[in-house]
């Protein structure tokens, strides 16, 4: 529960960071915030199904391990740039430098 609230508070900050520091358009920053909400919705559905199948404790353990691993991986600029290029390529391939 605590990790869920922490991530919810980071969405406005991340959007401001993308628009001011990274100079990404407001529409793309809004898209990232929207995708966060969609991903949260899908994760809640998948988490509920997983909890029904394998149990609550194992589901929480998997969630905490995955959150820790993804937090560590998200700190690396090369990995972030890779995913950002993929997202930008899907949105508008003409605007991303190759």
C-alpha atoms as a PDB file:
ATOM      1  CA  UNK A   1       0.000   0.000   0.000  1.00  0.00           C
ATOM      2  CA  UNK A   2       2.830   2.376   0.846  1.00  0.00           C
ATOM      3  CA  UNK A   3       4.549   1.805  -2.495  1.00  0.00           C
ATOM      4  CA  UNK A   4       1.276   2.500  -4.297  1.00  0.00           C
ATOM      5  CA  UNK A   5       0.875   5.899  -2.591  1.00  0.00           C
ATOM      6  CA  UNK A   6       4.523   6.754  -3.204  1.00  0.00           C
ATOM      7  CA  UNK A   7       4.154   6.127  -6.906  1.00  0.00           C
ATOM      8  CA  UNK A   8       0.933   8.151  -7.094  1.00  0.00           C
ATOM      9  CA  UNK A   9       2.697  11.206  -5.688  1.00  0.00           C
ATOM     10  CA  UNK A  10       5.513  10.884  -8.220  1.00  0.00           C
ATOM     11  CA  UNK A  11       3.264  11.286 -11.281  1.00  0.00           C
ATOM     12  CA  UNK A  12       2.846  15.108 -11.102  1.00  0.00           C
ATOM     13  CA  UNK A  13       6.527  15.528 -10.262  1.00  0.00           C
ATOM     14  CA  UNK A  14       7.569  13.298 -13.148  1.00  0.00           C
ATOM     15  CA  UNK A  15       5.322  15.238 -15.516  1.00  0.00           C
ATOM     16  CA  UNK A  16       6.862  18.547 -14.444  1.00  0.00           C
ATOM     17  CA  UNK A  17      10.359  17.076 -14.777  1.00  0.00           C
ATOM     18  CA  UNK A  18       9.664  15.851 -18.307  1.00  0.00           C
ATOM     19  CA  UNK A  19       8.319  19.206 -19.459  1.00  0.00           C
ATOM     20  CA  UNK A  20      10.876  21.479 -17.786  1.00  0.00           C
ATOM     21  CA  UNK A  21      14.150  19.559 -17.610  1.00  0.00           C
ATOM     22  CA  UNK A  22      13.806  17.139 -20.522  1.00  0.00           C
ATOM     23  CA  UNK A  23      11.875  19.629 -22.696  1.00  0.00           C
ATOM     24  CA  UNK A  24       9.301  17.053 -23.750  1.00  0.00           C
ATOM     25  CA  UNK A  25       5.993  18.405 -24.997  1.00  0.00           C
ATOM     26  CA  UNK A  26       3.121  18.721 -22.569  1.00  0.00           C
ATOM     27  CA  UNK A  27       1.024  16.302 -24.613  1.00  0.00           C
ATOM     28  CA  UNK A  28       3.681  13.570 -24.380  1.00  0.00           C
ATOM     29  CA  UNK A  29       4.129  14.199 -20.655  1.00  0.00           C
ATOM     30  CA  UNK A  30       0.359  13.895 -20.236  1.00  0.00           C
ATOM     31  CA  UNK A  31       0.478  10.663 -22.224  1.00  0.00           C
ATOM     32  CA  UNK A  32       3.031   9.227 -19.784  1.00  0.00           C
ATOM     33  CA  UNK A  33       0.790  10.160 -16.848  1.00  0.00           C
ATOM     34  CA  UNK A  34      -2.187   8.547 -18.587  1.00  0.00           C
ATOM     35  CA  UNK A  35      -0.208   5.408 -19.327  1.00  0.00           C
ATOM     36  CA  UNK A  36       0.713   5.250 -15.650  1.00  0.00           C
ATOM     37  CA  UNK A  37      -2.985   5.197 -14.785  1.00  0.00           C
ATOM     38  CA  UNK A  38      -3.745   2.531 -17.387  1.00  0.00           C
ATOM     39  CA  UNK A  39      -0.840   0.423 -16.165  1.00  0.00           C
ATOM     40  CA  UNK A  40      -2.044   0.766 -12.583  1.00  0.00           C
ATOM     41  CA  UNK A  41      -5.530  -0.395 -13.583  1.00  0.00           C
ATOM     42  CA  UNK A  42      -4.193  -3.421 -15.473  1.00  0.00           C
ATOM     43  CA  UNK A  43      -1.810  -4.281 -12.633  1.00  0.00           C
ATOM     44  CA  UNK A  44      -4.654  -4.256 -10.113  1.00  0.00           C
ATOM     45  CA  UNK A  45      -6.653  -6.665 -12.242  1.00  0.00           C
ATOM     46  CA  UNK A  46      -3.663  -8.940 -12.778  1.00  0.00           C
ATOM     47  CA  UNK A  47      -2.710  -8.761  -9.090  1.00  0.00           C
ATOM     48  CA  UNK A  48      -6.191  -9.772  -8.008  1.00  0.00           C
ATOM     49  CA  UNK A  49      -6.211 -12.711 -10.390  1.00  0.00           C
ATOM     50  CA  UNK A  50      -2.731 -13.767  -9.272  1.00  0.00           C
ATOM     51  CA  UNK A  51      -3.734 -13.523  -5.606  1.00  0.00           C
ATOM     52  CA  UNK A  52      -6.711 -15.784  -6.273  1.00  0.00           C
ATOM     53  CA  UNK A  53      -4.537 -18.357  -8.006  1.00  0.00           C
ATOM     54  CA  UNK A  54      -1.338 -18.495  -5.933  1.00  0.00           C
ATOM     55  CA  UNK A  55      -2.285 -16.754  -2.687  1.00  0.00           C
ATOM     56  CA  UNK A  56      -1.897 -13.335  -1.160  1.00  0.00           C
ATOM     57  CA  UNK A  57       1.514 -13.823   0.437  1.00  0.00           C
ATOM     58  CA  UNK A  58       3.237 -15.053  -2.703  1.00  0.00           C
ATOM     59  CA  UNK A  59       1.581 -12.282  -4.719  1.00  0.00           C
ATOM     60  CA  UNK A  60       2.871  -9.650  -2.272  1.00  0.00           C
ATOM     61  CA  UNK A  61       6.356 -11.185  -2.366  1.00  0.00           C
ATOM     62  CA  UNK A  62       6.396 -11.152  -6.171  1.00  0.00           C
ATOM     63  CA  UNK A  63       5.114  -7.560  -6.182  1.00  0.00           C
ATOM     64  CA  UNK A  64       7.743  -6.306  -3.738  1.00  0.00           C
ATOM     65  CA  UNK A  65      10.595  -8.064  -5.556  1.00  0.00           C
ATOM     66  CA  UNK A  66       9.458  -6.771  -8.948  1.00  0.00           C
ATOM     67  CA  UNK A  67       8.996  -3.224  -7.604  1.00  0.00           C
ATOM     68  CA  UNK A  68      12.497  -3.238  -6.140  1.00  0.00           C
ATOM     69  CA  UNK A  69      14.057  -4.590  -9.324  1.00  0.00           C
ATOM     70  CA  UNK A  70      12.192  -2.143 -11.552  1.00  0.00           C
ATOM     71  CA  UNK A  71      13.127   0.752  -9.264  1.00  0.00           C
ATOM     72  CA  UNK A  72      16.800  -0.158  -9.582  1.00  0.00           C
ATOM     73  CA  UNK A  73      16.520  -0.588 -13.347  1.00  0.00           C
ATOM     74  CA  UNK A  74      14.658   2.687 -13.814  1.00  0.00           C
ATOM     75  CA  UNK A  75      17.654   4.566 -12.428  1.00  0.00           C
ATOM     76  CA  UNK A  76      19.799   3.661 -15.437  1.00  0.00           C
ATOM     77  CA  UNK A  77      19.650   6.249 -18.209  1.00  0.00           C
ATOM     78  CA  UNK A  78      20.326   3.741 -20.999  1.00  0.00           C
ATOM     79  CA  UNK A  79      17.328   1.625 -20.052  1.00  0.00           C
ATOM     80  CA  UNK A  80      15.093   4.699 -19.726  1.00  0.00           C
ATOM     81  CA  UNK A  81      16.276   5.999 -23.108  1.00  0.00           C
ATOM     82  CA  UNK A  82      15.568   2.603 -24.705  1.00  0.00           C
ATOM     83  CA  UNK A  83      11.952   2.557 -23.515  1.00  0.00           C
ATOM     84  CA  UNK A  84      11.435   6.235 -24.289  1.00  0.00           C
ATOM     85  CA  UNK A  85      12.637   5.659 -27.849  1.00  0.00           C
ATOM     86  CA  UNK A  86      10.201   2.776 -28.211  1.00  0.00           C
ATOM     87  CA  UNK A  87       7.299   4.868 -26.901  1.00  0.00           C
ATOM     88  CA  UNK A  88       8.221   7.861 -29.049  1.00  0.00           C
ATOM     89  CA  UNK A  89       8.622   5.604 -32.075  1.00  0.00           C
ATOM     90  CA  UNK A  90       5.102   4.335 -31.592  1.00  0.00           C
ATOM     91  CA  UNK A  91       3.635   7.801 -31.076  1.00  0.00           C
ATOM     92  CA  UNK A  92       5.391   9.696 -33.847  1.00  0.00           C
ATOM     93  CA  UNK A  93       8.402   8.130 -35.583  1.00  0.00           C
ATOM     94  CA  UNK A  94       9.294  11.367 -37.420  1.00  0.00           C
ATOM     95  CA  UNK A  95       9.992  13.358 -34.250  1.00  0.00           C
ATOM     96  CA  UNK A  96      12.594  11.084 -32.644  1.00  0.00           C
ATOM     97  CA  UNK A  97      16.233  11.433 -33.752  1.00  0.00           C
ATOM     98  CA  UNK A  98      17.855   8.215 -34.896  1.00  0.00           C
END
